Amino acid sequence: MARMSPLFRRKADPRDRFVTLVRKPGCHLCDDAQAVVEKVCGDLGVPWEQKDITEDRQLHDEYWEQIPVVLVDGRQHTFWRVDEGRLRKELTE
């Protein structure tokens, strides 16, 4: 099946995306990441959730050394520091 050229592809509606912030209590980087996620998702109307790594063994095993972690549509977007412009771009392209 032929892939459509990016020139003809319609941009996805950011409201159809979903962001997950994987964090832990008492983490200042997690607080910083949450502020960025809240701002970008709020601006774009993107639904988001946060998950506590201390309450989910699978998330703990996968991401413990990387938190905070931001997932977009279930795929890892970034970790440690969340860049507002990069997240905004990811959600609007």
N, C-alpha and C. Protein backbone atom coordinates (compact mmCIF):
# COMPACT_ATOMS: atom_id res chain seq x y z
N MET A 1 0.84 -1.17 0.00
CA MET A 1 0.00 0.00 0.00
C MET A 1 0.89 1.25 0.00
N ALA A 2 0.61 2.17 -0.87
CA ALA A 2 1.40 3.39 -0.99
C ALA A 2 1.10 4.33 0.16
N ARG A 3 2.14 4.96 0.67
CA ARG A 3 1.96 5.93 1.76
C ARG A 3 1.66 7.30 1.16
N MET A 4 0.79 8.03 1.82
CA MET A 4 0.42 9.35 1.35
C MET A 4 1.55 10.33 1.66
N SER A 5 1.81 11.19 0.72
CA SER A 5 2.82 12.23 0.92
C SER A 5 2.43 13.11 2.10
N PRO A 6 3.40 13.52 2.92
CA PRO A 6 3.09 14.41 4.04
C PRO A 6 2.45 15.72 3.59
N LEU A 7 2.68 16.12 2.34
CA LEU A 7 2.09 17.35 1.83
C LEU A 7 0.57 17.27 1.72
N PHE A 8 0.07 16.04 1.55
CA PHE A 8 -1.36 15.86 1.36
C PHE A 8 -2.06 15.31 2.59
N ARG A 9 -1.30 14.98 3.59
CA ARG A 9 -1.87 14.45 4.82
C ARG A 9 -2.52 15.55 5.63
N ARG A 10 -3.69 15.29 6.16
CA ARG A 10 -4.38 16.26 7.00
C ARG A 10 -3.79 16.20 8.40
N LYS A 11 -3.62 17.35 9.01
CA LYS A 11 -3.09 17.39 10.37
C LYS A 11 -4.09 16.74 11.31
N ALA A 12 -3.57 16.02 12.27
CA ALA A 12 -4.43 15.38 13.27
C ALA A 12 -5.01 16.44 14.19
N ASP A 13 -6.19 16.19 14.66
CA ASP A 13 -6.82 17.07 15.64
C ASP A 13 -6.19 16.76 17.00
N PRO A 14 -5.55 17.75 17.63
CA PRO A 14 -4.91 17.49 18.93
C PRO A 14 -5.87 16.88 19.96
N ARG A 15 -7.16 17.18 19.84
CA ARG A 15 -8.12 16.64 20.81
C ARG A 15 -8.29 15.14 20.68
N ASP A 16 -7.79 14.56 19.59
CA ASP A 16 -7.83 13.11 19.39
C ASP A 16 -6.59 12.43 19.96
N ARG A 17 -5.68 13.18 20.52
CA ARG A 17 -4.45 12.65 21.11
C ARG A 17 -4.67 12.42 22.59
N PHE A 18 -3.72 11.75 23.25
CA PHE A 18 -3.83 11.50 24.68
C PHE A 18 -2.44 11.50 25.29
N VAL A 19 -2.27 12.24 26.36
CA VAL A 19 -0.97 12.37 27.03
C VAL A 19 -1.04 11.73 28.41
N THR A 20 0.00 11.00 28.75
CA THR A 20 0.15 10.42 30.08
C THR A 20 1.46 10.92 30.68
N LEU A 21 1.37 11.44 31.88
CA LEU A 21 2.56 11.85 32.63
C LEU A 21 2.81 10.80 33.70
N VAL A 22 3.95 10.14 33.60
CA VAL A 22 4.36 9.14 34.60
C VAL A 22 5.27 9.85 35.57
N ARG A 23 4.89 9.86 36.84
CA ARG A 23 5.61 10.63 37.85
C ARG A 23 5.61 9.91 39.19
N LYS A 24 6.27 10.53 40.17
CA LYS A 24 6.22 10.01 41.53
C LYS A 24 6.07 11.19 42.49
N PRO A 25 5.54 10.94 43.66
CA PRO A 25 5.38 12.00 44.65
C PRO A 25 6.73 12.57 45.09
N GLY A 26 6.75 13.88 45.35
CA GLY A 26 7.94 14.53 45.87
C GLY A 26 9.04 14.76 44.86
N CYS A 27 8.73 14.67 43.59
CA CYS A 27 9.72 14.81 42.52
C CYS A 27 9.58 16.21 41.91
N HIS A 28 10.60 17.06 42.09
CA HIS A 28 10.49 18.43 41.57
C HIS A 28 10.49 18.46 40.04
N LEU A 29 11.22 17.55 39.39
CA LEU A 29 11.17 17.49 37.92
C LEU A 29 9.78 17.08 37.45
N CYS A 30 9.12 16.23 38.23
CA CYS A 30 7.76 15.80 37.90
C CYS A 30 6.79 16.97 38.00
N ASP A 31 6.98 17.80 39.02
CA ASP A 31 6.14 18.99 39.18
C ASP A 31 6.33 19.94 38.00
N ASP A 32 7.58 20.12 37.58
CA ASP A 32 7.88 20.97 36.42
C ASP A 32 7.24 20.40 35.15
N ALA A 33 7.37 19.09 34.98
CA ALA A 33 6.79 18.43 33.80
C ALA A 33 5.27 18.56 33.80
N GLN A 34 4.66 18.43 34.97
CA GLN A 34 3.21 18.54 35.05
C GLN A 34 2.74 19.94 34.65
N ALA A 35 3.47 20.95 35.05
CA ALA A 35 3.10 22.33 34.69
C ALA A 35 3.11 22.50 33.17
N VAL A 36 4.10 21.93 32.50
CA VAL A 36 4.17 22.03 31.04
C VAL A 36 3.04 21.24 30.40
N VAL A 37 2.81 20.02 30.86
CA VAL A 37 1.74 19.19 30.30
C VAL A 37 0.38 19.87 30.49
N GLU A 38 0.13 20.39 31.69
CA GLU A 38 -1.14 21.08 31.95
C GLU A 38 -1.32 22.26 31.01
N LYS A 39 -0.27 23.04 30.80
CA LYS A 39 -0.36 24.22 29.93
C LYS A 39 -0.62 23.83 28.49
N VAL A 40 0.21 22.95 27.95
CA VAL A 40 0.10 22.58 26.53
C VAL A 40 -1.22 21.86 26.27
N CYS A 41 -1.55 20.89 27.10
CA CYS A 41 -2.79 20.14 26.90
C CYS A 41 -4.01 21.04 27.09
N GLY A 42 -3.94 21.95 28.05
CA GLY A 42 -5.02 22.89 28.27
C GLY A 42 -5.22 23.81 27.08
N ASP A 43 -4.11 24.32 26.53
CA ASP A 43 -4.18 25.20 25.37
C ASP A 43 -4.78 24.49 24.15
N LEU A 44 -4.42 23.22 23.97
CA LEU A 44 -4.81 22.48 22.76
C LEU A 44 -6.07 21.64 22.94
N GLY A 45 -6.56 21.53 24.17
CA GLY A 45 -7.74 20.69 24.42
C GLY A 45 -7.43 19.21 24.38
N VAL A 46 -6.19 18.85 24.70
CA VAL A 46 -5.77 17.45 24.68
C VAL A 46 -6.04 16.82 26.05
N PRO A 47 -6.74 15.69 26.09
CA PRO A 47 -6.94 15.02 27.37
C PRO A 47 -5.61 14.43 27.86
N TRP A 48 -5.46 14.43 29.19
CA TRP A 48 -4.23 13.88 29.76
C TRP A 48 -4.52 13.29 31.12
N GLU A 49 -3.60 12.47 31.58
CA GLU A 49 -3.69 11.83 32.89
C GLU A 49 -2.30 11.76 33.48
N GLN A 50 -2.27 11.54 34.79
CA GLN A 50 -0.98 11.28 35.43
C GLN A 50 -1.06 9.93 36.12
N LYS A 51 0.06 9.23 36.12
CA LYS A 51 0.14 7.93 36.78
C LYS A 51 1.32 7.97 37.73
N ASP A 52 1.11 7.43 38.92
CA ASP A 52 2.12 7.38 39.97
C ASP A 52 2.94 6.10 39.80
N ILE A 53 4.21 6.28 39.54
CA ILE A 53 5.09 5.14 39.28
C ILE A 53 5.22 4.22 40.51
N THR A 54 4.96 4.77 41.69
CA THR A 54 5.06 3.95 42.91
C THR A 54 3.85 3.05 43.10
N GLU A 55 2.82 3.25 42.29
CA GLU A 55 1.60 2.44 42.42
C GLU A 55 1.39 1.47 41.25
N ASP A 56 2.35 1.42 40.33
CA ASP A 56 2.20 0.57 39.15
C ASP A 56 3.53 -0.12 38.88
N ARG A 57 3.60 -1.41 39.17
CA ARG A 57 4.85 -2.17 39.06
C ARG A 57 5.42 -2.16 37.65
N GLN A 58 4.56 -2.28 36.63
CA GLN A 58 5.02 -2.30 35.25
C GLN A 58 5.66 -0.96 34.87
N LEU A 59 4.99 0.14 35.23
CA LEU A 59 5.56 1.47 34.95
C LEU A 59 6.87 1.66 35.71
N HIS A 60 6.89 1.20 36.96
CA HIS A 60 8.10 1.29 37.78
C HIS A 60 9.27 0.58 37.09
N ASP A 61 9.04 -0.65 36.67
CA ASP A 61 10.11 -1.43 36.05
C ASP A 61 10.58 -0.82 34.74
N GLU A 62 9.67 -0.23 33.98
CA GLU A 62 10.01 0.30 32.67
C GLU A 62 10.65 1.69 32.72
N TYR A 63 10.18 2.55 33.65
CA TYR A 63 10.56 3.96 33.59
C TYR A 63 11.26 4.51 34.84
N TRP A 64 11.55 3.69 35.84
CA TRP A 64 12.04 4.21 37.10
C TRP A 64 13.21 5.19 36.96
N GLU A 65 14.15 4.89 36.10
CA GLU A 65 15.34 5.74 35.97
C GLU A 65 15.14 6.93 35.05
N GLN A 66 13.94 7.09 34.50
CA GLN A 66 13.70 8.15 33.53
C GLN A 66 12.66 9.18 33.99
N ILE A 67 12.00 8.99 35.10
CA ILE A 67 10.88 9.87 35.45
C ILE A 67 11.33 11.31 35.65
N PRO A 68 10.48 12.24 35.33
CA PRO A 68 9.15 12.05 34.76
C PRO A 68 9.22 11.63 33.29
N VAL A 69 8.23 10.88 32.88
CA VAL A 69 8.14 10.41 31.50
C VAL A 69 6.81 10.90 30.94
N VAL A 70 6.84 11.39 29.70
CA VAL A 70 5.62 11.80 29.02
C VAL A 70 5.38 10.83 27.87
N LEU A 71 4.19 10.25 27.86
CA LEU A 71 3.76 9.37 26.78
C LEU A 71 2.71 10.11 25.97
N VAL A 72 2.79 10.00 24.66
CA VAL A 72 1.78 10.55 23.77
C VAL A 72 1.18 9.37 23.02
N ASP A 73 -0.10 9.18 23.21
CA ASP A 73 -0.81 8.05 22.59
C ASP A 73 -0.13 6.72 22.94
N GLY A 74 0.36 6.62 24.18
CA GLY A 74 0.95 5.38 24.67
C GLY A 74 2.41 5.17 24.30
N ARG A 75 3.00 6.08 23.54
CA ARG A 75 4.40 5.95 23.14
C ARG A 75 5.23 7.02 23.84
N GLN A 76 6.43 6.64 24.24
CA GLN A 76 7.28 7.58 24.96
C GLN A 76 7.64 8.77 24.08
N HIS A 77 7.36 9.95 24.60
CA HIS A 77 7.68 11.20 23.91
C HIS A 77 8.99 11.78 24.46
N THR A 78 9.09 11.84 25.78
CA THR A 78 10.28 12.42 26.40
C THR A 78 10.39 11.95 27.85
N PHE A 79 11.52 12.30 28.47
CA PHE A 79 11.70 12.02 29.89
C PHE A 79 12.60 13.09 30.49
N TRP A 80 12.63 13.13 31.80
CA TRP A 80 13.36 14.09 32.64
C TRP A 80 12.84 15.51 32.48
N ARG A 81 13.10 16.15 31.37
CA ARG A 81 12.68 17.54 31.15
C ARG A 81 11.72 17.59 29.96
N VAL A 82 10.61 18.28 30.16
CA VAL A 82 9.60 18.38 29.10
C VAL A 82 9.71 19.76 28.45
N ASP A 83 9.95 19.76 27.16
CA ASP A 83 10.07 21.00 26.40
C ASP A 83 8.69 21.36 25.84
N GLU A 84 8.20 22.54 26.21
CA GLU A 84 6.86 22.96 25.81
C GLU A 84 6.70 22.98 24.29
N GLY A 85 7.65 23.55 23.58
CA GLY A 85 7.55 23.64 22.13
C GLY A 85 7.56 22.28 21.46
N ARG A 86 8.39 21.39 21.95
CA ARG A 86 8.48 20.05 21.37
C ARG A 86 7.19 19.27 21.60
N LEU A 87 6.61 19.36 22.80
CA LEU A 87 5.36 18.68 23.10
C LEU A 87 4.22 19.25 22.25
N ARG A 88 4.17 20.55 22.15
CA ARG A 88 3.14 21.22 21.34
C ARG A 88 3.23 20.76 19.88
N LYS A 89 4.45 20.71 19.36
CA LYS A 89 4.65 20.25 17.97
C LYS A 89 4.19 18.82 17.79
N GLU A 90 4.57 17.95 18.73
CA GLU A 90 4.17 16.54 18.66
C GLU A 90 2.65 16.40 18.61
N LEU A 91 1.96 17.21 19.36
CA LEU A 91 0.50 17.08 19.45
C LEU A 91 -0.25 17.73 18.29
N THR A 92 0.43 18.55 17.51
CA THR A 92 -0.26 19.25 16.42
C THR A 92 0.17 18.79 15.03
N GLU A 93 1.07 17.86 14.95
CA GLU A 93 1.49 17.36 13.62
C GLU A 93 0.95 16.00 13.34
